[in-house]
PDB file of N, CA and C in Angstrom:
ATOM      1  N   MET A   1     -10.698  12.067  27.727  1.00  0.00           N
ATOM      2  CA  MET A   1     -10.515  12.836  26.576  1.00  0.00           C
ATOM      3  C   MET A   1     -10.739  11.778  25.294  1.00  0.00           C
ATOM      4  N   THR A   2     -11.434  12.258  24.367  1.00  0.00           N
ATOM      5  CA  THR A   2     -11.502  11.393  23.111  1.00  0.00           C
ATOM      6  C   THR A   2     -10.307  11.578  22.416  1.00  0.00           C
ATOM      7  N   ASN A   3      -9.843  10.275  21.734  1.00  0.00           N
ATOM      8  CA  ASN A   3      -8.753  10.279  20.932  1.00  0.00           C
ATOM      9  C   ASN A   3      -9.374   9.644  19.604  1.00  0.00           C
ATOM     10  N   VAL A   4      -8.977  10.246  18.427  1.00  0.00           N
ATOM     11  CA  VAL A   4      -9.156   9.768  17.215  1.00  0.00           C
ATOM     12  C   VAL A   4      -7.918   9.858  16.264  1.00  0.00           C
ATOM     13  N   SER A   5      -7.822   8.996  15.286  1.00  0.00           N
ATOM     14  CA  SER A   5      -6.623   8.801  14.421  1.00  0.00           C
ATOM     15  C   SER A   5      -6.983   9.916  13.234  1.00  0.00           C
ATOM     16  N   ILE A   6      -5.823  10.239  12.573  1.00  0.00           N
ATOM     17  CA  ILE A   6      -5.983  11.206  11.488  1.00  0.00           C
ATOM     18  C   ILE A   6      -6.751  10.463  10.497  1.00  0.00           C
ATOM     19  N   SER A   7      -6.818   9.176  10.325  1.00  0.00           N
ATOM     20  CA  SER A   7      -7.584   8.565   9.204  1.00  0.00           C
ATOM     21  C   SER A   7      -9.218   8.539   9.728  1.00  0.00           C
ATOM     22  N   GLN A   8      -9.484   8.473  10.996  1.00  0.00           N
ATOM     23  CA  GLN A   8     -10.888   8.639  11.388  1.00  0.00           C
ATOM     24  C   GLN A   8     -11.203  10.083  11.132  1.00  0.00           C
ATOM     25  N   LEU A   9     -10.376  11.157  11.417  1.00  0.00           N
ATOM     26  CA  LEU A   9     -10.803  12.549  11.089  1.00  0.00           C
ATOM     27  C   LEU A   9     -10.950  12.760   9.628  1.00  0.00           C
ATOM     28  N   LYS A  10     -10.125  12.219   8.820  1.00  0.00           N
ATOM     29  CA  LYS A  10     -10.336  12.273   7.341  1.00  0.00           C
ATOM     30  C   LYS A  10     -11.657  11.688   6.908  1.00  0.00           C
ATOM     31  N   ALA A  11     -12.009  10.510   7.482  1.00  0.00           N
ATOM     32  CA  ALA A  11     -13.135   9.726   7.071  1.00  0.00           C
ATOM     33  C   ALA A  11     -14.538  10.538   7.438  1.00  0.00           C
ATOM     34  N   ASN A  12     -14.545  11.016   8.700  1.00  0.00           N
ATOM     35  CA  ASN A  12     -15.701  11.749   9.011  1.00  0.00           C
ATOM     36  C   ASN A  12     -15.439  12.980   9.949  1.00  0.00           C
ATOM     37  N   PRO A  13     -14.842  13.934   9.273  1.00  0.00           N
ATOM     38  CA  PRO A  13     -14.615  15.254  10.055  1.00  0.00           C
ATOM     39  C   PRO A  13     -15.799  15.828  10.860  1.00  0.00           C
ATOM     40  N   ALA A  14     -16.954  15.655  10.293  1.00  0.00           N
ATOM     41  CA  ALA A  14     -18.081  16.259  10.986  1.00  0.00           C
ATOM     42  C   ALA A  14     -18.265  15.598  12.401  1.00  0.00           C
ATOM     43  N   LYS A  15     -18.151  14.320  12.386  1.00  0.00           N
ATOM     44  CA  LYS A  15     -18.385  13.337  13.578  1.00  0.00           C
ATOM     45  C   LYS A  15     -17.349  13.977  14.653  1.00  0.00           C
ATOM     46  N   VAL A  16     -15.968  14.261  14.248  1.00  0.00           N
ATOM     47  CA  VAL A  16     -15.040  14.731  15.167  1.00  0.00           C
ATOM     48  C   VAL A  16     -15.373  16.146  15.748  1.00  0.00           C
ATOM     49  N   ILE A  17     -15.733  16.913  14.794  1.00  0.00           N
ATOM     50  CA  ILE A  17     -16.154  18.358  15.172  1.00  0.00           C
ATOM     51  C   ILE A  17     -17.253  18.294  16.327  1.00  0.00           C
ATOM     52  N   ALA A  18     -18.249  17.368  15.837  1.00  0.00           N
ATOM     53  CA  ALA A  18     -19.402  17.209  17.023  1.00  0.00           C
ATOM     54  C   ALA A  18     -18.799  16.763  18.226  1.00  0.00           C
ATOM     55  N   ALA A  19     -17.928  16.055  18.169  1.00  0.00           N
ATOM     56  CA  ALA A  19     -17.486  15.304  19.489  1.00  0.00           C
ATOM     57  C   ALA A  19     -16.553  16.442  20.320  1.00  0.00           C
ATOM     58  N   SER A  20     -16.009  17.341  19.584  1.00  0.00           N
ATOM     59  CA  SER A  20     -15.248  18.422  20.298  1.00  0.00           C
ATOM     60  C   SER A  20     -16.071  19.442  20.798  1.00  0.00           C
ATOM     61  N   LEU A  21     -17.394  19.481  20.765  1.00  0.00           N
ATOM     62  CA  LEU A  21     -18.033  20.767  21.244  1.00  0.00           C
ATOM     63  C   LEU A  21     -18.041  21.036  22.686  1.00  0.00           C
ATOM     64  N   ASP A  22     -17.900  19.995  23.470  1.00  0.00           N
ATOM     65  CA  ASP A  22     -17.706  20.190  24.756  1.00  0.00           C
ATOM     66  C   ASP A  22     -16.396  20.027  25.563  1.00  0.00           C
ATOM     67  N   TYR A  23     -15.649  19.273  24.800  1.00  0.00           N
ATOM     68  CA  TYR A  23     -14.111  18.786  25.222  1.00  0.00           C
ATOM     69  C   TYR A  23     -13.231  18.528  24.174  1.00  0.00           C
ATOM     70  N   PRO A  24     -11.893  18.930  24.101  1.00  0.00           N
ATOM     71  CA  PRO A  24     -11.188  18.727  23.035  1.00  0.00           C
ATOM     72  C   PRO A  24     -10.932  17.150  22.729  1.00  0.00           C
ATOM     73  N   VAL A  25     -10.740  17.200  21.398  1.00  0.00           N
ATOM     74  CA  VAL A  25     -10.534  15.688  20.681  1.00  0.00           C
ATOM     75  C   VAL A  25      -9.121  15.632  20.494  1.00  0.00           C
ATOM     76  N   ALA A  26      -8.211  14.678  20.786  1.00  0.00           N
ATOM     77  CA  ALA A  26      -6.951  14.551  20.446  1.00  0.00           C
ATOM     78  C   ALA A  26      -6.844  13.780  19.188  1.00  0.00           C
ATOM     79  N   ILE A  27      -6.088  14.440  18.273  1.00  0.00           N
ATOM     80  CA  ILE A  27      -5.929  13.672  16.905  1.00  0.00           C
ATOM     81  C   ILE A  27      -4.604  12.997  17.013  1.00  0.00           C
ATOM     82  N   GLN A  28      -4.434  11.664  16.765  1.00  0.00           N
ATOM     83  CA  GLN A  28      -3.349  10.944  16.967  1.00  0.00           C
ATOM     84  C   GLN A  28      -2.760  10.423  15.510  1.00  0.00           C
ATOM     85  N   ASN A  29      -1.519  10.342  15.591  1.00  0.00           N
ATOM     86  CA  ASN A  29      -0.751   9.771  14.584  1.00  0.00           C
ATOM     87  C   ASN A  29       0.322   8.780  15.125  1.00  0.00           C
ATOM     88  N   ARG A  30      -0.074   7.488  14.804  1.00  0.00           N
ATOM     89  CA  ARG A  30       0.848   6.423  15.416  1.00  0.00           C
ATOM     90  C   ARG A  30       1.046   6.444  16.850  1.00  0.00           C
ATOM     91  N   ASN A  31      -0.102   6.678  17.528  1.00  0.00           N
ATOM     92  CA  ASN A  31      -0.229   6.680  19.034  1.00  0.00           C
ATOM     93  C   ASN A  31       0.352   7.897  19.652  1.00  0.00           C
ATOM     94  N   SER A  32       0.633   8.984  18.927  1.00  0.00           N
ATOM     95  CA  SER A  32       1.307  10.168  19.468  1.00  0.00           C
ATOM     96  C   SER A  32       0.263  11.291  19.011  1.00  0.00           C
ATOM     97  N   THR A  33       0.016  12.072  20.085  1.00  0.00           N
ATOM     98  CA  THR A  33      -0.915  13.311  19.886  1.00  0.00           C
ATOM     99  C   THR A  33      -0.398  14.223  19.041  1.00  0.00           C
ATOM    100  N   GLU A  34      -0.760  14.589  17.903  1.00  0.00           N
ATOM    101  CA  GLU A  34      -0.444  15.571  16.996  1.00  0.00           C
ATOM    102  C   GLU A  34      -1.100  16.966  17.085  1.00  0.00           C
ATOM    103  N   ALA A  35      -2.361  16.905  17.389  1.00  0.00           N
ATOM    104  CA  ALA A  35      -3.148  18.067  17.514  1.00  0.00           C
ATOM    105  C   ALA A  35      -4.343  17.966  18.203  1.00  0.00           C
ATOM    106  N   TYR A  36      -5.033  18.835  18.536  1.00  0.00           N
ATOM    107  CA  TYR A  36      -6.376  18.950  19.073  1.00  0.00           C
ATOM    108  C   TYR A  36      -7.396  19.598  18.336  1.00  0.00           C
ATOM    109  N   VAL A  37      -8.625  19.012  18.294  1.00  0.00           N
ATOM    110  CA  VAL A  37      -9.690  19.860  17.629  1.00  0.00           C
ATOM    111  C   VAL A  37     -10.597  20.359  18.776  1.00  0.00           C
ATOM    112  N   VAL A  38     -10.929  21.660  18.751  1.00  0.00           N
ATOM    113  CA  VAL A  38     -11.741  22.246  19.937  1.00  0.00           C
ATOM    114  C   VAL A  38     -12.922  22.859  19.276  1.00  0.00           C
ATOM    115  N   GLY A  39     -14.143  22.676  19.773  1.00  0.00           N
ATOM    116  CA  GLY A  39     -15.154  23.241  19.216  1.00  0.00           C
ATOM    117  C   GLY A  39     -15.383  24.695  19.366  1.00  0.00           C
ATOM    118  N   LYS A  40     -16.202  25.234  18.474  1.00  0.00           N
ATOM    119  CA  LYS A  40     -16.240  26.789  18.559  1.00  0.00           C
ATOM    120  C   LYS A  40     -16.597  27.330  19.870  1.00  0.00           C
ATOM    121  N   ASP A  41     -17.717  26.868  20.416  1.00  0.00           N
ATOM    122  CA  ASP A  41     -18.143  27.518  21.813  1.00  0.00           C
ATOM    123  C   ASP A  41     -16.908  27.312  22.849  1.00  0.00           C
ATOM    124  N   LEU A  42     -16.366  26.119  22.856  1.00  0.00           N
ATOM    125  CA  LEU A  42     -15.388  25.916  23.903  1.00  0.00           C
ATOM    126  C   LEU A  42     -14.065  26.742  23.660  1.00  0.00           C
ATOM    127  N   PHE A  43     -13.765  26.958  22.284  1.00  0.00           N
ATOM    128  CA  PHE A  43     -12.698  27.756  21.882  1.00  0.00           C
ATOM    129  C   PHE A  43     -13.064  29.301  22.260  1.00  0.00           C
ATOM    130  N   GLU A  44     -14.149  29.753  22.211  1.00  0.00           N
ATOM    131  CA  GLU A  44     -14.327  31.069  22.484  1.00  0.00           C
ATOM    132  C   GLU A  44     -14.516  31.371  24.035  1.00  0.00           C
ATOM    133  N   LYS A  45     -14.761  30.378  24.701  1.00  0.00           N
ATOM    134  CA  LYS A  45     -14.615  30.405  26.238  1.00  0.00           C
ATOM    135  C   LYS A  45     -13.315  30.362  26.685  1.00  0.00           C
ATOM    136  N   ILE A  46     -12.452  29.566  26.113  1.00  0.00           N
ATOM    137  CA  ILE A  46     -11.105  29.591  26.491  1.00  0.00           C
ATOM    138  C   ILE A  46     -10.528  31.145  26.057  1.00  0.00           C
ATOM    139  N   GLU A  47     -10.853  31.561  24.939  1.00  0.00           N
ATOM    140  CA  GLU A  47     -10.382  32.855  24.591  1.00  0.00           C
ATOM    141  C   GLU A  47     -10.806  33.889  25.467  1.00  0.00           C
ATOM    142  N   ARG A  48     -12.119  33.840  25.763  1.00  0.00           N
ATOM    143  CA  ARG A  48     -12.613  34.833  26.847  1.00  0.00           C
ATOM    144  C   ARG A  48     -11.773  34.799  28.424  1.00  0.00           C
ATOM    145  N   TYR A  49     -11.593  33.481  28.646  1.00  0.00           N
ATOM    146  CA  TYR A  49     -10.863  33.344  29.923  1.00  0.00           C
ATOM    147  C   TYR A  49      -9.482  33.900  29.805  1.00  0.00           C
ATOM    148  N   ILE A  50      -8.780  33.706  28.809  1.00  0.00           N
ATOM    149  CA  ILE A  50      -7.382  34.227  28.605  1.00  0.00           C
ATOM    150  C   ILE A  50      -7.442  35.620  28.551  1.00  0.00           C
ATOM    151  N   GLU A  51      -8.325  36.394  27.767  1.00  0.00           N
ATOM    152  CA  GLU A  51      -8.436  37.868  27.808  1.00  0.00           C
ATOM    153  C   GLU A  51      -8.741  38.169  29.205  1.00  0.00           C
ATOM    154  N   ASP A  52      -9.593  37.642  30.017  1.00  0.00           N
ATOM    155  CA  ASP A  52      -9.857  38.097  31.326  1.00  0.00           C
ATOM    156  C   ASP A  52      -8.632  37.949  32.188  1.00  0.00           C
ATOM    157  N   PHE A  53      -7.963  36.913  32.068  1.00  0.00           N
ATOM    158  CA  PHE A  53      -6.801  36.614  32.804  1.00  0.00           C
ATOM    159  C   PHE A  53      -5.668  37.740  32.590  1.00  0.00           C
ATOM    160  N   VAL A  54      -5.489  38.073  31.207  1.00  0.00           N
ATOM    161  CA  VAL A  54      -4.580  38.972  30.950  1.00  0.00           C
ATOM    162  C   VAL A  54      -4.952  40.487  31.313  1.00  0.00           C
ATOM    163  N   ASP A  55      -6.397  40.724  31.240  1.00  0.00           N
ATOM    164  CA  ASP A  55      -6.776  41.980  31.835  1.00  0.00           C
ATOM    165  C   ASP A  55      -6.600  42.014  33.362  1.00  0.00           C
ATOM    166  N   SER A  56      -6.790  41.025  34.052  1.00  0.00           N
ATOM    167  CA  SER A  56      -6.625  40.989  35.552  1.00  0.00           C
ATOM    168  C   SER A  56      -5.204  41.274  35.865  1.00  0.00           C
ATOM    169  N   LYS A  57      -4.193  40.611  35.186  1.00  0.00           N
ATOM    170  CA  LYS A  57      -2.814  40.836  35.307  1.00  0.00           C
ATOM    171  C   LYS A  57      -2.493  42.352  35.013  1.00  0.00           C
ATOM    172  N   ILE A  58      -2.995  43.025  34.033  1.00  0.00           N
ATOM    173  CA  ILE A  58      -2.625  44.356  33.788  1.00  0.00           C
ATOM    174  C   ILE A  58      -3.202  45.190  35.079  1.00  0.00           C
ATOM    175  N   ILE A  59      -4.291  45.036  35.388  1.00  0.00           N
ATOM    176  CA  ILE A  59      -4.845  45.659  36.562  1.00  0.00           C
ATOM    177  C   ILE A  59      -4.084  45.551  37.763  1.00  0.00           C
ATOM    178  N   GLU A  60      -3.599  44.304  37.982  1.00  0.00           N
ATOM    179  CA  GLU A  60      -2.853  44.039  39.229  1.00  0.00           C
ATOM    180  C   GLU A  60      -1.469  44.877  39.074  1.00  0.00           C
ATOM    181  N   LYS A  61      -0.881  44.912  37.948  1.00  0.00           N
ATOM    182  CA  LYS A  61       0.369  45.600  37.844  1.00  0.00           C
ATOM    183  C   LYS A  61       0.485  47.036  37.640  1.00  0.00           C
ATOM    184  N   THR A  62      -0.841  47.506  37.336  1.00  0.00           N
ATOM    185  CA  THR A  62      -0.786  49.006  37.079  1.00  0.00           C
ATOM    186  C   THR A  62      -1.079  49.755  38.570  1.00  0.00           C
ATOM    187  N   ASP A  63      -0.208  50.782  38.643  1.00  0.00           N
ATOM    188  CA  ASP A  63      -0.161  51.544  39.821  1.00  0.00           C
ATOM    189  C   ASP A  63      -0.913  52.897  39.120  1.00  0.00           C
ATOM    190  N   PHE A  64      -2.139  52.855  39.496  1.00  0.00           N
ATOM    191  CA  PHE A  64      -3.122  54.145  38.911  1.00  0.00           C
ATOM    192  C   PHE A  64      -2.721  55.384  39.609  1.00  0.00           C
ATOM    193  N   SER A  65      -1.950  55.460  40.693  1.00  0.00           N
ATOM    194  CA  SER A  65      -1.589  56.587  41.240  1.00  0.00           C
ATOM    195  C   SER A  65      -0.513  57.320  40.540  1.00  0.00           C
ATOM    196  N   LYS A  66       0.311  56.504  39.819  1.00  0.00           N
ATOM    197  CA  LYS A  66       1.447  57.103  38.949  1.00  0.00           C
ATOM    198  C   LYS A  66       0.881  57.349  37.533  1.00  0.00           C
ATOM    199  N   ARG A  67      -0.232  57.173  37.352  1.00  0.00           N
ATOM    200  CA  ARG A  67      -0.782  57.478  35.953  1.00  0.00           C
ATOM    201  C   ARG A  67       0.147  56.818  34.800  1.00  0.00           C
ATOM    202  N   LYS A  68       0.572  55.648  34.977  1.00  0.00           N
ATOM    203  CA  LYS A  68       1.414  54.925  34.099  1.00  0.00           C
ATOM    204  C   LYS A  68       0.493  54.703  32.706  1.00  0.00           C
ATOM    205  N   ASP A  69       1.007  54.958  31.603  1.00  0.00           N
ATOM    206  CA  ASP A  69       0.360  54.680  30.424  1.00  0.00           C
ATOM    207  C   ASP A  69       0.047  53.139  30.226  1.00  0.00           C
ATOM    208  N   LEU A  70      -1.066  52.720  29.804  1.00  0.00           N
ATOM    209  CA  LEU A  70      -1.541  51.364  29.597  1.00  0.00           C
ATOM    210  C   LEU A  70      -0.583  50.610  28.618  1.00  0.00           C
ATOM    211  N   LYS A  71      -0.064  51.227  27.595  1.00  0.00           N
ATOM    212  CA  LYS A  71       0.765  50.772  26.749  1.00  0.00           C
ATOM    213  C   LYS A  71       2.095  50.287  27.443  1.00  0.00           C
ATOM    214  N   ASP A  72       2.544  51.092  28.366  1.00  0.00           N
ATOM    215  CA  ASP A  72       3.866  50.746  29.107  1.00  0.00           C
ATOM    216  C   ASP A  72       3.708  49.622  29.998  1.00  0.00           C
ATOM    217  N   VAL A  73       2.361  49.577  30.562  1.00  0.00           N
ATOM    218  CA  VAL A  73       2.117  48.396  31.561  1.00  0.00           C
ATOM    219  C   VAL A  73       2.043  47.081  30.711  1.00  0.00           C
ATOM    220  N   MET A  74       1.404  47.085  29.421  1.00  0.00           N
ATOM    221  CA  MET A  74       1.443  45.909  28.636  1.00  0.00           C
ATOM    222  C   MET A  74       2.842  45.653  28.153  1.00  0.00           C
ATOM    223  N   LYS A  75       3.667  46.628  27.837  1.00  0.00           N
ATOM    224  CA  LYS A  75       5.023  46.265  27.427  1.00  0.00           C
ATOM    225  C   LYS A  75       5.839  45.621  28.500  1.00  0.00           C
ATOM    226  N   ASP A  76       5.487  46.095  29.778  1.00  0.00           N
ATOM    227  CA  ASP A  76       6.266  45.556  30.800  1.00  0.00           C
ATOM    228  C   ASP A  76       5.838  43.968  31.072  1.00  0.00           C
ATOM    229  N   LEU A  77       4.658  43.765  30.821  1.00  0.00           N
ATOM    230  CA  LEU A  77       4.184  42.261  30.963  1.00  0.00           C
ATOM    231  C   LEU A  77       4.386  41.623  29.878  1.00  0.00           C
ATOM    232  N   GLY A  78       4.929  42.064  28.723  1.00  0.00           N
ATOM    233  CA  GLY A  78       5.227  41.467  27.609  1.00  0.00           C
ATOM    234  C   GLY A  78       3.933  41.064  26.616  1.00  0.00           C
ATOM    235  N   ILE A  79       2.989  41.900  26.757  1.00  0.00           N
ATOM    236  CA  ILE A  79       1.711  41.635  25.936  1.00  0.00           C
ATOM    237  C   ILE A  79       1.833  42.504  24.849  1.00  0.00           C
TER     238      ILE A  79
END
């Protein structure tokens, strides 16, 4: 993983954003990771993955023979 300091981020944010397109970039402050920069496409892939994961959990927990309302299933899952 690429690590950059906050000073490097301030000096050239476009370079950090370009570096984050395929893999997150750790933003460090005094050798401690404070944040991550994630490129747009990677973020959208992660977002889709999470949505698909949540959807699959809903389907797993739904007993379609009982005709339980989707809102109730989501509430049971804490979604």
